[in-house]
Amino acid sequence: MGILIFIIIVLGGWLFLLRTANSHKLPPNVKSQPYSDEEK
């Protein structure tokens, strides 16, 4: 019984981290701009 609860907790935490990592992606129309030499 304890092993089952442990597996559920681990899977829940893994899915939560996966969902939060995917939610912070930039929209497809936003492009990254390279740094110029003056900004370094």
N, C-alpha and C. Protein backbone atom coordinates (compact mmCIF):
# COMPACT_ATOMS: atom_id res chain seq x y z
N MET A 1 0.83 -1.20 0.00
CA MET A 1 0.00 0.00 0.00
C MET A 1 0.87 1.25 0.00
N GLY A 2 1.94 1.24 0.77
CA GLY A 2 2.83 2.39 0.83
C GLY A 2 3.53 2.64 -0.50
N ILE A 3 3.88 1.54 -1.18
CA ILE A 3 4.56 1.68 -2.48
C ILE A 3 3.61 2.32 -3.49
N LEU A 4 2.35 1.96 -3.45
CA LEU A 4 1.37 2.52 -4.38
C LEU A 4 1.20 4.02 -4.15
N ILE A 5 1.12 4.44 -2.90
CA ILE A 5 1.01 5.87 -2.59
C ILE A 5 2.25 6.61 -3.05
N PHE A 6 3.42 6.00 -2.85
CA PHE A 6 4.68 6.63 -3.28
C PHE A 6 4.71 6.82 -4.79
N ILE A 7 4.27 5.81 -5.54
CA ILE A 7 4.25 5.90 -7.00
C ILE A 7 3.29 6.99 -7.46
N ILE A 8 2.14 7.10 -6.81
CA ILE A 8 1.16 8.13 -7.18
C ILE A 8 1.73 9.52 -6.92
N ILE A 9 2.41 9.70 -5.80
CA ILE A 9 3.00 11.00 -5.47
C ILE A 9 4.09 11.36 -6.48
N VAL A 10 4.95 10.39 -6.83
CA VAL A 10 6.04 10.66 -7.78
C VAL A 10 5.48 11.00 -9.15
N LEU A 11 4.48 10.24 -9.63
CA LEU A 11 3.89 10.52 -10.94
C LEU A 11 3.18 11.87 -10.94
N GLY A 12 2.49 12.20 -9.86
CA GLY A 12 1.81 13.49 -9.77
C GLY A 12 2.80 14.64 -9.81
N GLY A 13 3.89 14.52 -9.08
CA GLY A 13 4.91 15.57 -9.10
C GLY A 13 5.57 15.70 -10.46
N TRP A 14 5.80 14.58 -11.12
CA TRP A 14 6.43 14.59 -12.44
C TRP A 14 5.51 15.25 -13.47
N LEU A 15 4.22 14.92 -13.41
CA LEU A 15 3.27 15.54 -14.35
C LEU A 15 3.11 17.02 -14.07
N PHE A 16 3.15 17.42 -12.79
CA PHE A 16 3.05 18.83 -12.45
C PHE A 16 4.25 19.60 -12.99
N LEU A 17 5.45 19.05 -12.83
CA LEU A 17 6.65 19.72 -13.35
C LEU A 17 6.63 19.78 -14.87
N LEU A 18 6.16 18.72 -15.51
CA LEU A 18 6.08 18.70 -16.97
C LEU A 18 5.11 19.77 -17.47
N ARG A 19 3.98 19.91 -16.78
CA ARG A 19 2.98 20.88 -17.19
C ARG A 19 3.50 22.31 -16.99
N THR A 20 4.17 22.59 -15.87
CA THR A 20 4.67 23.94 -15.63
C THR A 20 5.81 24.27 -16.58
N ALA A 21 6.62 23.29 -16.97
CA ALA A 21 7.71 23.55 -17.91
C ALA A 21 7.15 23.87 -19.29
N ASN A 22 6.08 23.25 -19.70
CA ASN A 22 5.50 23.50 -21.01
C ASN A 22 4.71 24.81 -21.06
N SER A 23 4.29 25.33 -19.92
CA SER A 23 3.45 26.52 -19.93
C SER A 23 4.26 27.80 -20.10
N HIS A 24 5.58 27.74 -19.97
CA HIS A 24 6.40 28.95 -20.05
C HIS A 24 7.08 29.11 -21.40
N LYS A 25 6.57 28.47 -22.42
CA LYS A 25 7.17 28.61 -23.75
C LYS A 25 6.72 29.92 -24.38
N LEU A 26 7.57 30.50 -25.21
CA LEU A 26 7.24 31.74 -25.88
C LEU A 26 6.26 31.46 -27.03
N PRO A 27 5.43 32.45 -27.35
CA PRO A 27 4.56 32.27 -28.51
C PRO A 27 5.38 32.12 -29.78
N PRO A 28 4.85 31.47 -30.81
CA PRO A 28 5.65 31.21 -32.02
C PRO A 28 6.02 32.48 -32.79
N ASN A 29 5.29 33.59 -32.60
CA ASN A 29 5.62 34.80 -33.35
C ASN A 29 6.69 35.65 -32.67
N VAL A 30 7.15 35.25 -31.47
CA VAL A 30 8.20 35.98 -30.77
C VAL A 30 9.54 35.37 -31.15
N LYS A 31 10.45 36.21 -31.66
CA LYS A 31 11.76 35.72 -32.06
C LYS A 31 12.82 36.27 -31.11
N SER A 32 13.79 35.46 -30.76
CA SER A 32 14.86 35.93 -29.90
C SER A 32 15.79 36.84 -30.68
N GLN A 33 16.25 37.89 -30.02
CA GLN A 33 17.13 38.83 -30.67
C GLN A 33 18.55 38.64 -30.13
N PRO A 34 19.53 38.53 -30.99
CA PRO A 34 20.92 38.36 -30.52
C PRO A 34 21.41 39.64 -29.86
N TYR A 35 22.30 39.49 -28.89
CA TYR A 35 22.89 40.64 -28.24
C TYR A 35 23.86 41.33 -29.17
N SER A 36 23.87 42.66 -29.12
CA SER A 36 24.89 43.38 -29.86
C SER A 36 26.14 43.50 -29.00
N ASP A 37 27.26 43.88 -29.59
CA ASP A 37 28.50 43.97 -28.84
C ASP A 37 28.45 45.06 -27.77
N GLU A 38 27.61 46.09 -27.94
CA GLU A 38 27.56 47.17 -26.96
C GLU A 38 26.82 46.76 -25.69
N GLU A 39 25.94 45.77 -25.76
CA GLU A 39 25.15 45.38 -24.60
C GLU A 39 25.87 44.39 -23.70
N LYS A 40 26.99 43.84 -24.12
CA LYS A 40 27.69 42.85 -23.30
C LYS A 40 28.44 43.51 -22.17
